[in-house]
């Protein structure tokens, strides 16, 4: 016999928030999901050349392989 009440509560319309603004609803085990980056503000998808880098990893990679980040 399976155990009762072992699964988390499922929310069919959980709100996804980015910077406090609702983006969409999805199914989740939490009522709200906070995201920092999503499709509209991700550099890969919005054709921006800005790179989000807080620790200098991109610069080290570019220097190591002799690439120019402004191209």
N, C-alpha and C. Protein backbone atom coordinates (compact mmCIF):
# COMPACT_ATOMS: atom_id res chain seq x y z
N UNK A 1 0.85 -1.17 0.00
CA UNK A 1 0.00 0.00 0.00
C UNK A 1 0.90 1.25 0.00
N UNK A 2 0.68 2.22 -0.91
CA UNK A 2 1.50 3.43 -0.95
C UNK A 2 1.27 4.32 0.27
N UNK A 3 2.29 5.07 0.60
CA UNK A 3 2.19 6.00 1.73
C UNK A 3 1.33 7.20 1.33
N UNK A 4 0.53 7.66 2.25
CA UNK A 4 -0.32 8.83 2.01
C UNK A 4 0.42 10.11 2.37
N UNK A 5 0.11 11.18 1.68
CA UNK A 5 0.62 12.53 1.99
C UNK A 5 2.14 12.64 1.93
N UNK A 6 2.78 12.00 0.94
CA UNK A 6 4.23 12.15 0.82
C UNK A 6 4.61 13.09 -0.31
N UNK A 7 3.67 13.44 -1.17
CA UNK A 7 3.97 14.31 -2.29
C UNK A 7 3.68 15.77 -1.93
N UNK A 8 4.47 16.70 -2.46
CA UNK A 8 4.23 18.12 -2.18
C UNK A 8 2.95 18.60 -2.87
N UNK A 9 2.43 19.70 -2.41
CA UNK A 9 1.25 20.30 -3.01
C UNK A 9 1.60 20.84 -4.39
N UNK A 10 0.74 20.60 -5.37
CA UNK A 10 0.98 21.05 -6.73
C UNK A 10 0.11 22.26 -7.03
N UNK A 11 0.74 23.34 -7.51
CA UNK A 11 0.04 24.56 -7.89
C UNK A 11 0.03 24.63 -9.41
N UNK A 12 -1.17 24.56 -10.01
CA UNK A 12 -1.28 24.60 -11.47
C UNK A 12 -0.94 25.97 -12.04
N UNK A 13 -1.20 27.03 -11.30
CA UNK A 13 -0.99 28.40 -11.80
C UNK A 13 0.01 29.15 -10.92
N UNK A 14 1.21 28.62 -10.81
CA UNK A 14 2.26 29.30 -10.05
C UNK A 14 2.79 30.47 -10.89
N UNK A 15 2.92 31.62 -10.28
CA UNK A 15 3.36 32.82 -10.99
C UNK A 15 4.88 32.88 -11.04
N UNK A 16 5.42 33.17 -12.21
CA UNK A 16 6.86 33.37 -12.39
C UNK A 16 7.11 34.87 -12.39
N UNK A 17 7.99 35.34 -11.48
CA UNK A 17 8.27 36.77 -11.33
C UNK A 17 9.73 37.07 -11.66
N UNK A 18 9.94 38.18 -12.37
CA UNK A 18 11.28 38.68 -12.62
C UNK A 18 11.28 40.16 -12.24
N UNK A 19 12.09 40.53 -11.28
CA UNK A 19 12.14 41.91 -10.76
C UNK A 19 10.77 42.36 -10.25
N UNK A 20 10.02 41.45 -9.67
CA UNK A 20 8.72 41.78 -9.11
C UNK A 20 7.60 41.88 -10.13
N UNK A 21 7.89 41.66 -11.40
CA UNK A 21 6.88 41.74 -12.45
C UNK A 21 6.46 40.33 -12.86
N UNK A 22 5.17 40.06 -12.90
CA UNK A 22 4.73 38.71 -13.32
C UNK A 22 5.00 38.47 -14.81
N UNK A 23 5.54 37.31 -15.11
CA UNK A 23 5.87 36.97 -16.49
C UNK A 23 4.88 35.98 -17.08
N UNK A 24 4.62 34.91 -16.35
CA UNK A 24 3.72 33.88 -16.85
C UNK A 24 3.31 32.99 -15.68
N UNK A 25 2.51 32.00 -15.97
CA UNK A 25 2.13 31.01 -14.96
C UNK A 25 2.54 29.63 -15.45
N UNK A 26 3.00 28.82 -14.52
CA UNK A 26 3.42 27.45 -14.82
C UNK A 26 2.97 26.55 -13.69
N UNK A 27 3.06 25.26 -13.88
CA UNK A 27 2.81 24.31 -12.80
C UNK A 27 4.05 24.13 -11.97
N UNK A 28 3.90 24.16 -10.65
CA UNK A 28 5.06 24.06 -9.77
C UNK A 28 4.63 23.62 -8.38
N UNK A 29 5.60 23.27 -7.56
CA UNK A 29 5.32 22.93 -6.17
C UNK A 29 5.40 24.16 -5.27
N UNK A 30 5.69 25.33 -5.85
CA UNK A 30 5.71 26.60 -5.12
C UNK A 30 4.70 27.55 -5.74
N UNK A 31 4.13 28.44 -4.92
CA UNK A 31 3.14 29.40 -5.43
C UNK A 31 3.76 30.44 -6.34
N UNK A 32 4.97 30.89 -6.00
CA UNK A 32 5.67 31.91 -6.80
C UNK A 32 7.09 31.45 -7.06
N UNK A 33 7.58 31.75 -8.25
CA UNK A 33 8.95 31.46 -8.61
C UNK A 33 9.64 32.77 -8.96
N UNK A 34 10.75 33.06 -8.28
CA UNK A 34 11.52 34.28 -8.54
C UNK A 34 12.68 33.92 -9.46
N UNK A 35 12.80 34.61 -10.60
CA UNK A 35 13.91 34.38 -11.52
C UNK A 35 14.67 35.69 -11.72
N UNK A 36 15.97 35.58 -11.94
CA UNK A 36 16.81 36.76 -12.19
C UNK A 36 16.92 37.05 -13.68
N UNK A 37 17.02 35.99 -14.48
CA UNK A 37 17.19 36.13 -15.92
C UNK A 37 16.14 35.28 -16.60
N UNK A 38 15.55 35.84 -17.63
CA UNK A 38 14.60 35.09 -18.45
C UNK A 38 14.80 35.47 -19.89
N UNK A 39 14.01 34.96 -20.78
CA UNK A 39 14.21 35.11 -22.22
C UNK A 39 14.37 36.57 -22.67
N UNK A 40 13.57 37.47 -22.16
CA UNK A 40 13.59 38.86 -22.63
C UNK A 40 14.80 39.65 -22.14
N UNK A 41 15.41 39.28 -21.02
CA UNK A 41 16.56 40.05 -20.55
C UNK A 41 17.86 39.24 -20.57
N UNK A 42 17.86 38.09 -21.23
CA UNK A 42 19.07 37.29 -21.36
C UNK A 42 19.86 37.77 -22.57
N UNK A 43 21.17 38.02 -22.43
CA UNK A 43 21.96 38.58 -23.53
C UNK A 43 21.97 37.71 -24.79
N UNK A 44 21.89 36.42 -24.65
CA UNK A 44 21.92 35.53 -25.82
C UNK A 44 20.69 35.72 -26.69
N UNK A 45 19.53 35.93 -26.08
CA UNK A 45 18.28 36.00 -26.83
C UNK A 45 17.89 37.41 -27.26
N UNK A 46 18.41 38.44 -26.62
CA UNK A 46 18.00 39.79 -27.01
C UNK A 46 19.06 40.50 -27.86
N UNK A 47 19.95 39.78 -28.46
CA UNK A 47 21.00 40.27 -29.36
C UNK A 47 21.84 41.38 -28.74
N UNK A 48 21.97 41.37 -27.44
CA UNK A 48 22.81 42.35 -26.76
C UNK A 48 24.23 41.80 -26.67
N UNK A 49 25.20 42.66 -26.78
CA UNK A 49 26.58 42.22 -26.66
C UNK A 49 27.08 42.29 -25.23
N UNK A 50 26.22 42.70 -24.32
CA UNK A 50 26.62 42.78 -22.91
C UNK A 50 26.74 41.38 -22.34
N UNK A 51 27.77 41.16 -21.56
CA UNK A 51 27.96 39.88 -20.89
C UNK A 51 27.82 40.11 -19.40
N UNK A 52 27.01 39.28 -18.76
CA UNK A 52 26.85 39.38 -17.31
C UNK A 52 27.99 38.60 -16.69
N UNK A 53 28.87 39.29 -16.02
CA UNK A 53 30.07 38.67 -15.46
C UNK A 53 30.47 39.42 -14.21
N UNK A 54 30.34 38.78 -13.08
CA UNK A 54 30.66 39.45 -11.83
C UNK A 54 32.05 39.10 -11.31
N UNK A 55 32.71 38.09 -11.89
CA UNK A 55 33.99 37.67 -11.35
C UNK A 55 35.12 37.71 -12.36
N UNK A 56 34.91 38.32 -13.53
CA UNK A 56 35.98 38.44 -14.50
C UNK A 56 36.25 37.17 -15.29
N UNK A 57 35.35 36.21 -15.26
CA UNK A 57 35.57 34.94 -15.96
C UNK A 57 35.62 35.13 -17.47
N UNK A 58 34.76 35.98 -17.97
CA UNK A 58 34.72 36.19 -19.42
C UNK A 58 36.02 36.83 -19.89
N UNK A 59 36.51 37.83 -19.17
CA UNK A 59 37.76 38.49 -19.54
C UNK A 59 38.93 37.51 -19.51
N UNK A 60 38.98 36.65 -18.49
CA UNK A 60 40.05 35.66 -18.41
C UNK A 60 39.99 34.68 -19.58
N UNK A 61 38.79 34.26 -19.94
CA UNK A 61 38.62 33.35 -21.07
C UNK A 61 39.08 34.01 -22.36
N UNK A 62 38.64 35.27 -22.58
CA UNK A 62 39.01 35.99 -23.80
C UNK A 62 40.53 36.18 -23.88
N UNK A 63 41.15 36.50 -22.76
CA UNK A 63 42.59 36.72 -22.73
C UNK A 63 43.33 35.40 -22.96
N UNK A 64 42.86 34.33 -22.36
CA UNK A 64 43.51 33.02 -22.47
C UNK A 64 43.54 32.53 -23.91
N UNK A 65 42.45 32.74 -24.63
CA UNK A 65 42.37 32.24 -26.00
C UNK A 65 42.60 33.33 -27.05
N UNK A 66 43.01 34.50 -26.62
CA UNK A 66 43.38 35.56 -27.55
C UNK A 66 42.21 36.09 -28.35
N UNK A 67 41.04 36.14 -27.74
CA UNK A 67 39.85 36.64 -28.43
C UNK A 67 39.58 38.07 -28.06
N UNK A 68 38.95 38.82 -28.97
CA UNK A 68 38.59 40.20 -28.71
C UNK A 68 37.10 40.25 -28.39
N UNK A 69 36.72 40.71 -27.20
CA UNK A 69 35.32 40.69 -26.78
C UNK A 69 34.47 41.76 -27.45
N UNK A 70 35.07 42.70 -28.20
CA UNK A 70 34.29 43.77 -28.83
C UNK A 70 33.83 43.41 -30.23
N UNK A 71 34.22 42.25 -30.75
CA UNK A 71 33.82 41.84 -32.10
C UNK A 71 32.37 41.47 -32.16
